[in-house]
């Protein structure tokens, strides 16, 4: 306690960076908390209150769609509520710098994760989301090329789908709906 108090008083750390050191410490990571427990903890620590249902669902939805825990942490550590808490203690709030590609553009991450869900029947893992988001952000690939990469990947082709199932996956992935009878018949032909 004395160490961290000294760091805050000397302005070597901010409220946001101090919190980061705790939340992303090996000790906290070893707790292996669920996303829901993680978000509820952030509400208690950074907003000094219980999570409201709408807010809890908002943050959980972002995590489910591929955003990192660091992204969610930033939302709490840079909130007005945490700013007020820091001000009341006379400490600097600070900011959080996000470095993962998946945390740079929420809609892009949702797009890439959606392809994982629709084409691969699973959510994207951190490395994959960061890789594909980075490819689009750096303009090495277009969103269409990324989507094609999924469809032509070994993971997808190893599913050995029938022609009908393949077309159904394409409808779900690219049209956001189930294949109609006429459309399915046309593409099968």
N, C-alpha and C. Protein backbone atom coordinates (compact mmCIF):
# COMPACT_ATOMS: atom_id res chain seq x y z
N UNK A 1 0.84 -1.19 0.00
CA UNK A 1 0.00 0.00 0.00
C UNK A 1 0.88 1.24 0.00
N UNK A 2 1.91 1.24 0.84
CA UNK A 2 2.81 2.41 0.90
C UNK A 2 3.51 2.65 -0.43
N UNK A 3 3.93 1.56 -1.07
CA UNK A 3 4.61 1.70 -2.35
C UNK A 3 3.72 2.38 -3.38
N UNK A 4 2.49 1.85 -3.55
CA UNK A 4 1.59 2.39 -4.56
C UNK A 4 1.12 3.80 -4.20
N UNK A 5 0.94 4.07 -2.92
CA UNK A 5 0.58 5.43 -2.49
C UNK A 5 1.68 6.40 -2.87
N UNK A 6 2.92 6.00 -2.64
CA UNK A 6 4.06 6.84 -3.02
C UNK A 6 4.14 7.06 -4.51
N UNK A 7 3.86 6.03 -5.27
CA UNK A 7 3.88 6.15 -6.74
C UNK A 7 2.82 7.13 -7.23
N UNK A 8 1.63 7.06 -6.61
CA UNK A 8 0.55 7.99 -6.98
C UNK A 8 0.88 9.42 -6.56
N UNK A 9 1.36 9.58 -5.34
CA UNK A 9 1.68 10.92 -4.82
C UNK A 9 2.79 11.59 -5.61
N UNK A 10 3.77 10.81 -6.04
CA UNK A 10 4.89 11.37 -6.82
C UNK A 10 4.53 11.50 -8.30
N UNK A 11 3.33 11.10 -8.65
CA UNK A 11 2.83 11.15 -10.03
C UNK A 11 3.63 10.28 -11.00
N UNK A 12 4.27 9.24 -10.45
CA UNK A 12 4.98 8.28 -11.30
C UNK A 12 3.98 7.35 -11.98
N UNK A 13 2.83 7.18 -11.35
CA UNK A 13 1.75 6.40 -11.96
C UNK A 13 0.45 7.20 -11.83
N UNK A 14 -0.50 6.86 -12.68
CA UNK A 14 -1.83 7.47 -12.62
C UNK A 14 -2.81 6.43 -12.08
N UNK A 15 -4.01 6.85 -11.81
CA UNK A 15 -5.04 5.91 -11.37
C UNK A 15 -5.25 4.81 -12.39
N UNK A 16 -5.26 5.18 -13.67
CA UNK A 16 -5.48 4.19 -14.74
C UNK A 16 -4.32 3.21 -14.84
N UNK A 17 -3.08 3.69 -14.74
CA UNK A 17 -1.95 2.78 -14.86
C UNK A 17 -1.80 1.91 -13.61
N UNK A 18 -2.13 2.44 -12.45
CA UNK A 18 -2.10 1.64 -11.22
C UNK A 18 -3.12 0.51 -11.32
N UNK A 19 -4.34 0.86 -11.73
CA UNK A 19 -5.37 -0.15 -11.90
C UNK A 19 -4.96 -1.21 -12.89
N UNK A 20 -4.33 -0.79 -13.99
CA UNK A 20 -3.88 -1.72 -15.01
C UNK A 20 -2.90 -2.73 -14.42
N UNK A 21 -1.97 -2.24 -13.59
CA UNK A 21 -0.99 -3.13 -12.95
C UNK A 21 -1.66 -4.20 -12.10
N UNK A 22 -2.78 -3.88 -11.48
CA UNK A 22 -3.50 -4.86 -10.67
C UNK A 22 -4.34 -5.79 -11.54
N UNK A 23 -5.14 -5.21 -12.42
CA UNK A 23 -6.09 -5.99 -13.22
C UNK A 23 -5.39 -6.96 -14.18
N UNK A 24 -4.22 -6.58 -14.68
CA UNK A 24 -3.52 -7.44 -15.62
C UNK A 24 -2.28 -8.10 -14.99
N UNK A 25 -2.27 -8.14 -13.67
CA UNK A 25 -1.17 -8.83 -12.97
C UNK A 25 -1.34 -10.33 -13.09
N UNK A 26 -0.25 -11.05 -12.90
CA UNK A 26 -0.32 -12.51 -12.91
C UNK A 26 -1.26 -13.01 -11.82
N UNK A 27 -1.24 -12.32 -10.67
CA UNK A 27 -2.09 -12.73 -9.55
C UNK A 27 -3.57 -12.68 -9.95
N UNK A 28 -3.98 -11.59 -10.61
CA UNK A 28 -5.39 -11.50 -11.02
C UNK A 28 -5.69 -12.48 -12.14
N UNK A 29 -4.79 -12.60 -13.11
CA UNK A 29 -5.02 -13.52 -14.23
C UNK A 29 -5.19 -14.95 -13.75
N UNK A 30 -4.47 -15.32 -12.69
CA UNK A 30 -4.56 -16.69 -12.16
C UNK A 30 -5.94 -16.98 -11.57
N UNK A 31 -6.70 -15.94 -11.27
CA UNK A 31 -8.06 -16.15 -10.77
C UNK A 31 -8.96 -16.74 -11.85
N UNK A 32 -8.55 -16.53 -13.12
CA UNK A 32 -9.29 -17.09 -14.26
C UNK A 32 -10.77 -16.75 -14.19
N UNK A 33 -11.07 -15.48 -13.99
CA UNK A 33 -12.45 -15.04 -13.84
C UNK A 33 -13.20 -15.11 -15.17
N UNK A 34 -14.48 -15.30 -15.07
CA UNK A 34 -15.34 -15.26 -16.26
C UNK A 34 -15.42 -13.82 -16.73
N UNK A 35 -15.86 -13.62 -17.96
CA UNK A 35 -16.03 -12.25 -18.46
C UNK A 35 -17.02 -11.49 -17.59
N UNK A 36 -18.08 -12.15 -17.16
CA UNK A 36 -19.08 -11.47 -16.33
C UNK A 36 -18.48 -11.04 -14.99
N UNK A 37 -17.72 -11.90 -14.35
CA UNK A 37 -17.07 -11.55 -13.08
C UNK A 37 -16.07 -10.42 -13.29
N UNK A 38 -15.37 -10.45 -14.41
CA UNK A 38 -14.39 -9.40 -14.74
C UNK A 38 -15.08 -8.04 -14.85
N UNK A 39 -16.17 -7.98 -15.61
CA UNK A 39 -16.88 -6.71 -15.80
C UNK A 39 -17.48 -6.23 -14.48
N UNK A 40 -18.04 -7.14 -13.70
CA UNK A 40 -18.62 -6.76 -12.41
C UNK A 40 -17.55 -6.19 -11.48
N UNK A 41 -16.35 -6.77 -11.52
CA UNK A 41 -15.23 -6.26 -10.73
C UNK A 41 -14.87 -4.85 -11.17
N UNK A 42 -14.84 -4.61 -12.48
CA UNK A 42 -14.52 -3.27 -12.99
C UNK A 42 -15.53 -2.24 -12.50
N UNK A 43 -16.79 -2.60 -12.49
CA UNK A 43 -17.82 -1.68 -11.97
C UNK A 43 -17.53 -1.33 -10.51
N UNK A 44 -17.24 -2.33 -9.71
CA UNK A 44 -17.01 -2.08 -8.27
C UNK A 44 -15.77 -1.23 -8.05
N UNK A 45 -14.68 -1.55 -8.75
CA UNK A 45 -13.41 -0.86 -8.52
C UNK A 45 -13.38 0.52 -9.17
N UNK A 46 -13.86 0.63 -10.40
CA UNK A 46 -13.68 1.88 -11.15
C UNK A 46 -14.90 2.79 -11.16
N UNK A 47 -16.03 2.29 -10.69
CA UNK A 47 -17.22 3.13 -10.64
C UNK A 47 -17.85 3.14 -9.26
N UNK A 48 -17.29 2.32 -8.36
CA UNK A 48 -17.75 2.27 -6.97
C UNK A 48 -19.24 1.94 -6.86
N UNK A 49 -19.67 1.01 -7.72
CA UNK A 49 -21.08 0.61 -7.69
C UNK A 49 -21.22 -0.76 -8.34
N UNK A 50 -22.40 -1.33 -8.17
CA UNK A 50 -22.71 -2.60 -8.82
C UNK A 50 -23.00 -2.33 -10.30
N UNK A 51 -22.83 -3.33 -11.11
CA UNK A 51 -23.12 -3.21 -12.55
C UNK A 51 -24.63 -3.12 -12.76
N UNK A 52 -25.02 -2.21 -13.65
CA UNK A 52 -26.42 -2.18 -14.07
C UNK A 52 -26.56 -3.17 -15.22
N UNK A 53 -27.77 -3.70 -15.38
CA UNK A 53 -28.00 -4.76 -16.37
C UNK A 53 -27.62 -4.32 -17.79
N UNK A 54 -28.04 -3.13 -18.19
CA UNK A 54 -27.73 -2.65 -19.54
C UNK A 54 -26.24 -2.49 -19.78
N UNK A 55 -25.56 -1.91 -18.80
CA UNK A 55 -24.12 -1.72 -18.92
C UNK A 55 -23.37 -3.04 -18.94
N UNK A 56 -23.75 -3.94 -18.05
CA UNK A 56 -23.12 -5.26 -18.00
C UNK A 56 -23.28 -5.97 -19.34
N UNK A 57 -24.48 -5.96 -19.89
CA UNK A 57 -24.73 -6.61 -21.18
C UNK A 57 -23.95 -5.96 -22.31
N UNK A 58 -23.82 -4.63 -22.27
CA UNK A 58 -23.06 -3.90 -23.30
C UNK A 58 -21.61 -4.39 -23.33
N UNK A 59 -20.96 -4.41 -22.16
CA UNK A 59 -19.55 -4.80 -22.11
C UNK A 59 -19.37 -6.29 -22.43
N UNK A 60 -20.28 -7.13 -21.95
CA UNK A 60 -20.18 -8.56 -22.26
C UNK A 60 -20.35 -8.81 -23.75
N UNK A 61 -21.24 -8.05 -24.39
CA UNK A 61 -21.44 -8.19 -25.83
C UNK A 61 -20.16 -7.84 -26.59
N UNK A 62 -19.48 -6.78 -26.16
CA UNK A 62 -18.23 -6.41 -26.82
C UNK A 62 -17.18 -7.52 -26.66
N UNK A 63 -17.08 -8.09 -25.48
CA UNK A 63 -16.14 -9.19 -25.27
C UNK A 63 -16.52 -10.40 -26.13
N UNK A 64 -17.81 -10.69 -26.21
CA UNK A 64 -18.27 -11.82 -27.02
C UNK A 64 -18.04 -11.62 -28.50
N UNK A 65 -17.94 -10.36 -28.92
CA UNK A 65 -17.73 -10.08 -30.34
C UNK A 65 -16.26 -9.82 -30.67
N UNK A 66 -15.37 -10.13 -29.73
CA UNK A 66 -13.95 -10.13 -30.05
C UNK A 66 -13.09 -9.04 -29.45
N UNK A 67 -13.69 -8.06 -28.78
CA UNK A 67 -12.87 -7.02 -28.16
C UNK A 67 -12.13 -7.62 -26.97
N UNK A 68 -10.98 -7.05 -26.64
CA UNK A 68 -10.17 -7.59 -25.55
C UNK A 68 -10.61 -7.05 -24.19
N UNK A 69 -10.14 -7.69 -23.15
CA UNK A 69 -10.40 -7.19 -21.80
C UNK A 69 -9.73 -5.83 -21.60
N UNK A 70 -8.62 -5.60 -22.28
CA UNK A 70 -7.96 -4.30 -22.19
C UNK A 70 -8.85 -3.19 -22.76
N UNK A 71 -9.56 -3.49 -23.84
CA UNK A 71 -10.48 -2.52 -24.42
C UNK A 71 -11.56 -2.15 -23.41
N UNK A 72 -12.12 -3.15 -22.77
CA UNK A 72 -13.16 -2.92 -21.77
C UNK A 72 -12.57 -2.16 -20.58
N UNK A 73 -11.38 -2.54 -20.16
CA UNK A 73 -10.70 -1.85 -19.05
C UNK A 73 -10.59 -0.35 -19.35
N UNK A 74 -10.16 -0.02 -20.56
CA UNK A 74 -10.01 1.38 -20.95
C UNK A 74 -11.32 2.14 -20.77
N UNK A 75 -12.42 1.51 -21.14
CA UNK A 75 -13.73 2.15 -20.99
C UNK A 75 -14.03 2.53 -19.55
N UNK A 76 -13.63 1.68 -18.63
CA UNK A 76 -13.85 1.96 -17.21
C UNK A 76 -12.83 2.95 -16.67
N UNK A 77 -11.55 2.74 -17.01
CA UNK A 77 -10.48 3.57 -16.46
C UNK A 77 -10.53 5.00 -16.99
N UNK A 78 -11.21 5.22 -18.11
CA UNK A 78 -11.32 6.58 -18.65
C UNK A 78 -12.74 7.12 -18.54
N UNK A 79 -13.55 6.50 -17.70
CA UNK A 79 -14.93 6.93 -17.54
C UNK A 79 -15.03 8.18 -16.67
N UNK A 80 -16.15 8.86 -16.78
CA UNK A 80 -16.40 10.04 -15.94
C UNK A 80 -16.47 9.65 -14.47
N UNK A 81 -17.03 8.49 -14.20
CA UNK A 81 -17.16 8.05 -12.81
C UNK A 81 -15.79 7.82 -12.17
N UNK A 82 -14.87 7.20 -12.91
CA UNK A 82 -13.53 6.99 -12.35
C UNK A 82 -12.77 8.31 -12.27
N UNK A 83 -13.01 9.19 -13.22
CA UNK A 83 -12.38 10.52 -13.18
C UNK A 83 -12.77 11.23 -11.88
N UNK A 84 -14.04 11.17 -11.52
CA UNK A 84 -14.51 11.81 -10.28
C UNK A 84 -13.86 11.18 -9.05
N UNK A 85 -13.72 9.85 -9.06
CA UNK A 85 -13.07 9.17 -7.94
C UNK A 85 -11.62 9.63 -7.81
N UNK A 86 -10.91 9.67 -8.93
CA UNK A 86 -9.51 10.11 -8.91
C UNK A 86 -9.40 11.55 -8.41
N UNK A 87 -10.27 12.41 -8.91
CA UNK A 87 -10.27 13.81 -8.48
C UNK A 87 -10.51 13.91 -6.98
N UNK A 88 -11.42 13.11 -6.46
CA UNK A 88 -11.73 13.17 -5.02
C UNK A 88 -10.53 12.76 -4.16
N UNK A 89 -9.63 11.95 -4.71
CA UNK A 89 -8.43 11.53 -3.99
C UNK A 89 -7.22 12.41 -4.34
N UNK A 90 -7.42 13.33 -5.26
CA UNK A 90 -6.32 14.22 -5.65
C UNK A 90 -5.25 13.54 -6.48
N UNK A 91 -5.65 12.54 -7.27
CA UNK A 91 -4.68 11.86 -8.13
C UNK A 91 -5.06 12.06 -9.59
N UNK A 92 -4.08 11.89 -10.44
CA UNK A 92 -4.28 12.01 -11.88
C UNK A 92 -4.93 10.73 -12.40
N UNK A 93 -5.97 10.87 -13.21
CA UNK A 93 -6.65 9.69 -13.75
C UNK A 93 -5.79 8.95 -14.75
N UNK A 94 -5.23 9.63 -15.72
CA UNK A 94 -4.42 9.01 -16.76
C UNK A 94 -5.25 8.39 -17.86
N UNK A 95 -4.59 7.78 -18.81
CA UNK A 95 -5.24 7.15 -19.96
C UNK A 95 -4.66 5.75 -20.17
N UNK A 96 -5.29 5.02 -21.05
CA UNK A 96 -4.86 3.65 -21.37
C UNK A 96 -4.59 3.59 -22.86
N UNK A 97 -3.42 3.09 -23.24
CA UNK A 97 -3.10 2.94 -24.65
C UNK A 97 -3.37 1.50 -25.07
N UNK A 98 -4.16 1.36 -26.11
CA UNK A 98 -4.49 0.03 -26.64
C UNK A 98 -3.54 -0.30 -27.77
N UNK A 99 -2.97 -1.49 -27.75
CA UNK A 99 -1.99 -1.86 -28.77
C UNK A 99 -2.44 -2.99 -29.69
N UNK A 100 -3.47 -3.73 -29.30
CA UNK A 100 -3.91 -4.84 -30.13
C UNK A 100 -4.72 -4.33 -31.33
N UNK A 101 -4.50 -4.94 -32.47
CA UNK A 101 -5.21 -4.54 -33.70
C UNK A 101 -6.72 -4.66 -33.53
N UNK A 102 -7.17 -5.68 -32.82
CA UNK A 102 -8.61 -5.88 -32.65
C UNK A 102 -9.27 -4.79 -31.81
N UNK A 103 -8.49 -4.03 -31.08
CA UNK A 103 -9.03 -2.97 -30.24
C UNK A 103 -9.04 -1.60 -30.92
N UNK A 104 -8.62 -1.53 -32.16
CA UNK A 104 -8.52 -0.25 -32.84
C UNK A 104 -9.81 0.18 -33.54
N UNK A 105 -10.66 -0.79 -33.89
CA UNK A 105 -11.89 -0.47 -34.62
C UNK A 105 -12.94 -1.53 -34.26
N UNK A 106 -13.89 -1.13 -33.43
CA UNK A 106 -14.90 -2.07 -32.92
C UNK A 106 -15.65 -2.75 -34.06
N UNK A 107 -16.09 -1.98 -35.04
CA UNK A 107 -16.88 -2.58 -36.13
C UNK A 107 -16.07 -3.55 -36.97
N UNK A 108 -14.81 -3.26 -37.18
CA UNK A 108 -13.96 -4.18 -37.93
C UNK A 108 -13.80 -5.49 -37.17
N UNK A 109 -13.58 -5.41 -35.87
CA UNK A 109 -13.44 -6.61 -35.05
C UNK A 109 -14.73 -7.43 -35.07
N UNK A 110 -15.86 -6.74 -34.98
CA UNK A 110 -17.14 -7.45 -35.05
C UNK A 110 -17.30 -8.15 -36.40
N UNK A 111 -16.86 -7.49 -37.47
CA UNK A 111 -16.93 -8.07 -38.81
C UNK A 111 -16.11 -9.35 -38.89
N UNK A 112 -14.86 -9.28 -38.43
CA UNK A 112 -13.98 -10.45 -38.50
C UNK A 112 -14.51 -11.57 -37.61
N UNK A 113 -14.93 -11.23 -36.40
CA UNK A 113 -15.45 -12.25 -35.49
C UNK A 113 -16.71 -12.90 -36.06
N UNK A 114 -17.52 -12.11 -36.75
CA UNK A 114 -18.74 -12.64 -37.37
C UNK A 114 -18.40 -13.71 -38.40
N UNK A 115 -17.33 -13.51 -39.15
CA UNK A 115 -16.92 -14.53 -40.12
C UNK A 115 -16.50 -15.80 -39.39
N UNK A 116 -15.76 -15.64 -38.30
CA UNK A 116 -15.41 -16.82 -37.50
C UNK A 116 -16.67 -17.57 -37.08
N UNK A 117 -17.64 -16.84 -36.55
CA UNK A 117 -18.86 -17.46 -36.02
C UNK A 117 -19.66 -18.12 -37.14
N UNK A 118 -19.89 -17.42 -38.22
CA UNK A 118 -20.75 -17.93 -39.29
C UNK A 118 -20.07 -19.01 -40.14
N UNK A 119 -18.79 -18.81 -40.47
CA UNK A 119 -18.12 -19.76 -41.35
C UNK A 119 -17.45 -20.91 -40.60
N UNK A 120 -16.92 -20.62 -39.41
CA UNK A 120 -16.16 -21.63 -38.69
C UNK A 120 -16.90 -22.23 -37.49
N UNK A 121 -18.06 -21.67 -37.17
CA UNK A 121 -18.85 -22.13 -36.01
C UNK A 121 -18.11 -21.97 -34.69
N UNK A 122 -17.33 -20.91 -34.58
CA UNK A 122 -16.63 -20.63 -33.33
C UNK A 122 -16.30 -19.14 -33.29
N UNK A 123 -16.01 -18.65 -32.10
CA UNK A 123 -15.58 -17.26 -32.00
C UNK A 123 -14.10 -17.18 -32.33
N UNK A 124 -13.69 -16.01 -32.74
CA UNK A 124 -12.28 -15.81 -33.07
C UNK A 124 -11.42 -15.77 -31.82
N UNK A 125 -10.22 -16.32 -31.92
CA UNK A 125 -9.27 -16.26 -30.82
C UNK A 125 -8.44 -14.98 -30.98
N UNK A 126 -7.81 -14.54 -29.90
CA UNK A 126 -7.09 -13.26 -29.89
C UNK A 126 -6.10 -13.14 -31.03
N UNK A 127 -5.25 -14.15 -31.23
CA UNK A 127 -4.23 -14.06 -32.28
C UNK A 127 -4.85 -13.94 -33.66
N UNK A 128 -5.88 -14.72 -33.92
CA UNK A 128 -6.54 -14.67 -35.22
C UNK A 128 -7.23 -13.34 -35.47
N UNK A 129 -7.96 -12.85 -34.47
CA UNK A 129 -8.62 -11.56 -34.62
C UNK A 129 -7.60 -10.45 -34.86
N UNK A 130 -6.52 -10.46 -34.09
CA UNK A 130 -5.48 -9.44 -34.28
C UNK A 130 -4.85 -9.54 -35.66
N UNK A 131 -4.59 -10.75 -36.12
CA UNK A 131 -3.98 -10.93 -37.43
C UNK A 131 -4.88 -10.38 -38.55
N UNK A 132 -6.14 -10.83 -38.58
CA UNK A 132 -7.02 -10.42 -39.67
C UNK A 132 -7.36 -8.93 -39.61
N UNK A 133 -7.57 -8.41 -38.41
CA UNK A 133 -7.83 -6.96 -38.29
C UNK A 133 -6.61 -6.16 -38.77
N UNK A 134 -5.43 -6.63 -38.41
CA UNK A 134 -4.20 -5.96 -38.84
C UNK A 134 -4.05 -5.98 -40.36
N UNK A 135 -4.40 -7.11 -40.98
CA UNK A 135 -4.31 -7.22 -42.44
C UNK A 135 -5.18 -6.17 -43.13
N UNK A 136 -6.38 -5.96 -42.59
CA UNK A 136 -7.30 -4.97 -43.18
C UNK A 136 -6.84 -3.56 -42.85
N UNK A 137 -6.45 -3.31 -41.62
CA UNK A 137 -6.02 -1.97 -41.20
C UNK A 137 -4.79 -1.50 -41.98
N UNK A 138 -3.87 -2.42 -42.25
CA UNK A 138 -2.65 -2.06 -42.97
C UNK A 138 -2.85 -2.06 -44.49
N UNK A 139 -4.08 -2.39 -44.90
CA UNK A 139 -4.45 -2.44 -46.32
C UNK A 139 -3.68 -3.52 -47.10
N UNK A 140 -3.18 -4.52 -46.38
CA UNK A 140 -2.56 -5.66 -47.04
C UNK A 140 -3.62 -6.54 -47.67
N UNK A 141 -4.82 -6.51 -47.09
CA UNK A 141 -5.95 -7.28 -47.60
C UNK A 141 -7.21 -6.44 -47.47
N UNK A 142 -8.16 -6.70 -48.34
CA UNK A 142 -9.47 -6.05 -48.22
C UNK A 142 -10.36 -6.95 -47.34
N UNK A 143 -11.47 -6.41 -46.85
CA UNK A 143 -12.40 -7.27 -46.11
C UNK A 143 -12.87 -8.47 -46.93
N UNK A 144 -13.06 -8.29 -48.22
CA UNK A 144 -13.48 -9.40 -49.09
C UNK A 144 -12.39 -10.47 -49.15
N UNK A 145 -11.14 -10.05 -49.28
CA UNK A 145 -10.04 -11.02 -49.32
C UNK A 145 -9.92 -11.79 -48.00
N UNK A 146 -10.16 -11.11 -46.90
CA UNK A 146 -10.12 -11.79 -45.60
C UNK A 146 -11.23 -12.83 -45.54
N UNK A 147 -12.44 -12.44 -45.95
CA UNK A 147 -13.56 -13.39 -45.95
C UNK A 147 -13.26 -14.59 -46.84
N UNK A 148 -12.69 -14.34 -48.02
CA UNK A 148 -12.32 -15.44 -48.92
C UNK A 148 -11.29 -16.35 -48.27
N UNK A 149 -10.36 -15.76 -47.52
CA UNK A 149 -9.33 -16.55 -46.85
C UNK A 149 -9.93 -17.55 -45.87
N UNK A 150 -11.00 -17.16 -45.22
CA UNK A 150 -11.69 -18.08 -44.31
C UNK A 150 -12.32 -19.23 -45.09
N UNK A 151 -13.03 -18.89 -46.17
CA UNK A 151 -13.75 -19.89 -46.94
C UNK A 151 -12.79 -20.88 -47.61
N UNK A 152 -11.60 -20.42 -47.99
CA UNK A 152 -10.63 -21.29 -48.64
C UNK A 152 -9.60 -21.87 -47.67
N UNK A 153 -9.79 -21.62 -46.37
CA UNK A 153 -8.83 -22.11 -45.38
C UNK A 153 -8.94 -23.62 -45.21
N UNK A 154 -7.88 -24.22 -44.72
CA UNK A 154 -7.87 -25.65 -44.43
C UNK A 154 -8.92 -26.00 -43.38
N UNK A 155 -9.05 -25.15 -42.36
CA UNK A 155 -10.04 -25.40 -41.31
C UNK A 155 -11.44 -25.51 -41.90
N UNK A 156 -11.76 -24.62 -42.84
CA UNK A 156 -13.09 -24.65 -43.44
C UNK A 156 -13.23 -25.81 -44.42
N UNK A 157 -12.26 -25.98 -45.31
CA UNK A 157 -12.38 -27.04 -46.32
C UNK A 157 -12.34 -28.43 -45.68
N UNK A 158 -11.68 -28.56 -44.53
CA UNK A 158 -11.64 -29.86 -43.83
C UNK A 158 -13.01 -30.26 -43.29
N UNK A 159 -13.96 -29.35 -43.30
CA UNK A 159 -15.31 -29.71 -42.86
C UNK A 159 -15.99 -30.64 -43.86
N UNK A 160 -15.51 -30.64 -45.10
CA UNK A 160 -16.05 -31.50 -46.16
C UNK A 160 -17.57 -31.37 -46.26
N UNK A 161 -18.03 -30.15 -46.34
CA UNK A 161 -19.47 -29.89 -46.41
C UNK A 161 -20.03 -30.35 -47.75
N UNK A 162 -21.27 -30.78 -47.73
CA UNK A 162 -21.96 -31.07 -48.99
C UNK A 162 -22.15 -29.74 -49.71
N UNK A 163 -22.48 -29.80 -50.99
CA UNK A 163 -22.72 -28.57 -51.73
C UNK A 163 -23.84 -27.74 -51.10
N UNK A 164 -24.89 -28.40 -50.67
CA UNK A 164 -26.02 -27.69 -50.05
C UNK A 164 -25.59 -27.01 -48.75
N UNK A 165 -24.84 -27.72 -47.91
CA UNK A 165 -24.39 -27.13 -46.64
C UNK A 165 -23.41 -25.98 -46.91
N UNK A 166 -22.55 -26.13 -47.90
CA UNK A 166 -21.61 -25.07 -48.28
C UNK A 166 -22.37 -23.80 -48.67
N UNK A 167 -23.37 -23.94 -49.50
CA UNK A 167 -24.17 -22.79 -49.93
C UNK A 167 -24.88 -22.16 -48.74
N UNK A 168 -25.41 -22.97 -47.83
CA UNK A 168 -26.08 -22.44 -46.64
C UNK A 168 -25.13 -21.62 -45.78
N UNK A 169 -23.89 -22.10 -45.64
CA UNK A 169 -22.89 -21.34 -44.87
C UNK A 169 -22.59 -20.01 -45.56
N UNK A 170 -22.49 -20.02 -46.88
CA UNK A 170 -22.24 -18.78 -47.61
C UNK A 170 -23.38 -17.78 -47.41
N UNK A 171 -24.60 -18.25 -47.43
CA UNK A 171 -25.74 -17.36 -47.19
C UNK A 171 -25.65 -16.75 -45.78
N UNK A 172 -25.39 -17.60 -44.79
CA UNK A 172 -25.32 -17.10 -43.41
C UNK A 172 -24.17 -16.11 -43.24
N UNK A 173 -23.03 -16.43 -43.86
CA UNK A 173 -21.84 -15.60 -43.70
C UNK A 173 -21.94 -14.28 -44.45
N UNK A 174 -22.38 -14.33 -45.69
CA UNK A 174 -22.33 -13.14 -46.53
C UNK A 174 -23.65 -12.42 -46.71
N UNK A 175 -24.75 -13.11 -46.49
CA UNK A 175 -26.06 -12.48 -46.64
C UNK A 175 -26.73 -12.22 -45.30
N UNK A 176 -26.24 -12.88 -44.25
CA UNK A 176 -26.81 -12.69 -42.93
C UNK A 176 -28.19 -13.30 -42.79
N UNK A 177 -28.46 -14.34 -43.56
CA UNK A 177 -29.77 -14.99 -43.52
C UNK A 177 -29.65 -16.43 -44.00
N UNK A 178 -30.73 -17.16 -43.81
CA UNK A 178 -30.77 -18.54 -44.31
C UNK A 178 -31.04 -18.51 -45.82
N UNK A 179 -30.62 -19.54 -46.49
CA UNK A 179 -30.87 -19.66 -47.92
C UNK A 179 -32.35 -19.95 -48.16
N UNK A 180 -32.93 -19.26 -49.13
CA UNK A 180 -34.29 -19.57 -49.53
C UNK A 180 -34.28 -20.79 -50.44
N UNK A 181 -35.43 -21.40 -50.61
CA UNK A 181 -35.53 -22.60 -51.44
C UNK A 181 -35.08 -22.33 -52.87
N UNK A 182 -35.54 -21.22 -53.43
CA UNK A 182 -35.20 -20.90 -54.82
C UNK A 182 -33.70 -20.61 -54.97
N UNK A 183 -33.14 -19.84 -54.04
CA UNK A 183 -31.72 -19.51 -54.10
C UNK A 183 -30.85 -20.74 -53.94
N UNK A 184 -31.19 -21.58 -52.98
CA UNK A 184 -30.44 -22.81 -52.76
C UNK A 184 -30.49 -23.69 -54.01
N UNK A 185 -31.65 -23.82 -54.59
CA UNK A 185 -31.80 -24.65 -55.80
C UNK A 185 -30.98 -24.06 -56.95
N UNK A 186 -31.02 -22.74 -57.10
CA UNK A 186 -30.26 -22.09 -58.18
C UNK A 186 -28.76 -22.37 -58.03
N UNK A 187 -28.22 -22.15 -56.84
CA UNK A 187 -26.78 -22.32 -56.64
C UNK A 187 -26.38 -23.79 -56.70
N UNK A 188 -27.24 -24.67 -56.25
CA UNK A 188 -26.92 -26.09 -56.39
C UNK A 188 -26.86 -26.49 -57.87
N UNK A 189 -27.72 -25.89 -58.66
CA UNK A 189 -27.71 -26.15 -60.11
C UNK A 189 -26.43 -25.65 -60.75
